[in-house]
């Protein structure tokens, strides 16, 4: 008996054997379309979330700068405390490399702004820890404040 069927043999028809599902000729393309749609949807969600996080970060920085600019200078001791707190947040934003505001200005201007913030905070220390202070800012602190406000307006 031969183990191999010769080319002359007749095919035996298979009856009553049906596939579980009918496989259409273009089903592979439908599957690839669904996968592509899913991947595109994932990209859209990713970029939408990334934009939301970036907008929230930008909004926080803008709020810090605006809050500092709109502080009242009438009470120097209170102003020193509030500005120290706010400028701490501004310094953290300026040291963040992913801050989109830093891309708008040159690196030398960022360093100059950081230096102006440090000078302002040093001048504020005089007012924070004195028991009694006069109601007017001294000229050096006022000049540093004006320079700092001008620098911070460049970011927003």
Protein backbone atom coordinates (compact mmCIF):
# COMPACT_ATOMS: atom_id res chain seq x y z
CA UNK A 1 0.00 0.00 0.00
CA UNK A 2 1.21 3.46 -0.87
CA UNK A 3 1.54 6.08 1.86
CA UNK A 4 1.29 8.99 -0.47
CA UNK A 5 -1.76 9.71 -2.52
CA UNK A 6 -1.02 10.04 -6.15
CA UNK A 7 -2.01 13.01 -8.25
CA UNK A 8 -4.60 10.87 -10.00
CA UNK A 9 -6.66 10.30 -6.88
CA UNK A 10 -10.09 11.80 -6.57
CA UNK A 11 -10.82 14.37 -3.87
CA UNK A 12 -13.23 13.17 -1.28
CA UNK A 13 -16.00 15.72 -0.75
CA UNK A 14 -16.54 16.77 2.86
CA UNK A 15 -20.19 16.91 3.66
CA UNK A 16 -21.92 18.32 6.73
CA UNK A 17 -18.78 20.09 7.98
CA UNK A 18 -19.37 23.82 8.21
CA UNK A 19 -17.11 26.50 9.68
CA UNK A 20 -18.16 28.07 12.99
CA UNK A 21 -18.17 31.54 11.43
CA UNK A 22 -18.27 32.55 7.90
CA UNK A 23 -15.06 34.34 7.06
CA UNK A 24 -15.61 37.10 4.57
CA UNK A 25 -12.82 37.95 2.16
CA UNK A 26 -12.40 41.54 3.41
CA UNK A 27 -12.57 40.75 7.18
CA UNK A 28 -8.82 41.33 7.59
CA UNK A 29 -9.24 44.87 6.32
CA UNK A 30 -12.15 45.47 8.71
CA UNK A 31 -10.01 44.22 11.60
CA UNK A 32 -7.06 46.43 10.62
CA UNK A 33 -9.43 49.40 10.29
CA UNK A 34 -10.74 48.83 13.81
CA UNK A 35 -7.18 48.56 15.18
CA UNK A 36 -6.19 51.76 13.34
CA UNK A 37 -9.25 53.56 14.67
CA UNK A 38 -8.41 52.46 18.21
CA UNK A 39 -4.79 53.64 17.89
CA UNK A 40 -5.93 56.98 16.45
CA UNK A 41 -8.38 57.37 19.34
CA UNK A 42 -5.58 56.67 21.84
CA UNK A 43 -3.41 59.35 20.21
CA UNK A 44 -6.24 61.87 20.35
CA UNK A 45 -6.87 61.18 24.04
CA UNK A 46 -3.12 61.42 24.78
CA UNK A 47 -2.70 64.78 23.05
CA UNK A 48 -5.89 66.14 24.60
CA UNK A 49 -4.70 65.20 28.11
CA UNK A 50 -1.24 66.61 27.40
CA UNK A 51 -2.78 69.90 26.31
CA UNK A 52 -4.93 70.06 29.43
CA UNK A 53 -1.93 69.50 31.71
CA UNK A 54 0.13 72.09 29.84
CA UNK A 55 -2.70 74.63 29.96
CA UNK A 56 -3.12 74.07 33.69
CA UNK A 57 0.62 74.62 34.25
CA UNK A 58 0.59 77.80 32.15
CA UNK A 59 -2.49 79.06 33.96
CA UNK A 60 -0.83 78.48 37.36
CA UNK A 61 2.25 80.43 36.36
CA UNK A 62 0.19 83.27 34.96
CA UNK A 63 -1.87 83.41 38.17
CA UNK A 64 1.29 83.59 40.31
CA UNK A 65 2.67 86.47 38.27
CA UNK A 66 -0.63 88.36 38.24
CA UNK A 67 -1.11 87.83 41.96
CA UNK A 68 2.36 89.24 42.63
CA UNK A 69 1.81 92.26 40.39
CA UNK A 70 -1.52 93.08 42.02
CA UNK A 71 -0.32 92.92 45.63
CA UNK A 72 -0.84 96.08 47.63
CA UNK A 73 2.31 97.80 48.78
CA UNK A 74 0.68 99.86 51.53
CA UNK A 75 1.82 97.55 54.34
CA UNK A 76 5.46 96.55 53.65
CA UNK A 77 5.57 93.78 56.28
CA UNK A 78 2.48 92.02 54.94
CA UNK A 79 3.65 92.67 51.40
CA UNK A 80 7.01 91.05 52.19
CA UNK A 81 5.35 87.90 53.54
CA UNK A 82 2.89 87.57 50.66
CA UNK A 83 5.47 88.30 47.97
CA UNK A 84 7.91 85.77 49.47
CA UNK A 85 5.27 83.07 49.26
CA UNK A 86 4.24 83.95 45.70
CA UNK A 87 7.79 84.40 44.39
CA UNK A 88 8.70 80.96 45.75
CA UNK A 89 6.14 79.55 43.32
CA UNK A 90 7.41 81.75 40.51
CA UNK A 91 10.98 80.56 41.14
CA UNK A 92 9.86 76.93 40.96
CA UNK A 93 8.14 77.66 37.64
CA UNK A 94 11.24 79.39 36.31
CA UNK A 95 13.47 76.48 37.29
CA UNK A 96 11.15 73.97 35.55
CA UNK A 97 12.68 73.09 32.17
CA UNK A 98 9.31 72.06 30.73
CA UNK A 99 7.75 75.45 31.40
CA UNK A 100 6.38 76.73 28.07
CA UNK A 101 6.91 80.34 29.14
CA UNK A 102 10.66 79.78 29.19
CA UNK A 103 10.63 78.98 25.48
CA UNK A 104 9.38 82.50 24.71
CA UNK A 105 12.33 84.29 26.28
CA UNK A 106 16.09 83.92 26.16
CA UNK A 107 18.01 81.98 28.81
CA UNK A 108 19.87 85.11 29.87
CA UNK A 109 16.57 86.85 30.60
CA UNK A 110 15.44 83.88 32.73
CA UNK A 111 18.68 84.09 34.72
CA UNK A 112 18.23 87.85 35.10
CA UNK A 113 14.67 87.35 36.36
CA UNK A 114 15.82 84.73 38.86
CA UNK A 115 18.53 87.11 40.06
CA UNK A 116 15.99 89.94 40.42
CA UNK A 117 13.74 87.64 42.45
CA UNK A 118 16.63 86.74 44.75
CA UNK A 119 17.51 90.43 45.21
CA UNK A 120 13.89 91.25 45.95
CA UNK A 121 13.63 88.44 48.50
CA UNK A 122 16.81 89.62 50.22
CA UNK A 123 15.37 93.11 50.47
CA UNK A 124 12.09 91.64 51.76
CA UNK A 125 13.92 89.90 54.61
CA UNK A 126 14.55 93.33 56.17
CA UNK A 127 10.82 93.95 56.40
CA UNK A 128 9.73 90.46 57.39
CA UNK A 129 11.67 90.17 60.62
CA UNK A 130 11.61 93.71 61.99
CA UNK A 131 9.13 94.35 64.77
CA UNK A 132 8.18 97.77 63.53
CA UNK A 133 8.58 99.06 60.00
CA UNK A 134 7.61 102.36 58.45
CA UNK A 135 4.75 102.36 55.98
CA UNK A 136 6.86 103.16 52.93
CA UNK A 137 9.20 100.96 50.95
CA UNK A 138 12.81 102.06 50.73
CA UNK A 139 14.04 103.15 47.31
CA UNK A 140 16.25 100.10 46.62
CA UNK A 141 13.39 97.70 47.33
CA UNK A 142 10.99 99.80 45.24
CA UNK A 143 13.44 99.81 42.31
CA UNK A 144 13.95 96.04 42.59
CA UNK A 145 10.17 95.58 42.68
CA UNK A 146 9.69 97.69 39.54
CA UNK A 147 12.44 95.78 37.70
CA UNK A 148 10.93 92.47 38.76
CA UNK A 149 7.44 93.44 37.60
CA UNK A 150 8.86 94.47 34.23
CA UNK A 151 10.72 91.14 33.92
CA UNK A 152 7.67 89.08 34.88
CA UNK A 153 5.44 90.82 32.35
CA UNK A 154 7.68 89.40 29.61
CA UNK A 155 6.49 85.88 30.49
CA UNK A 156 2.75 86.44 30.30
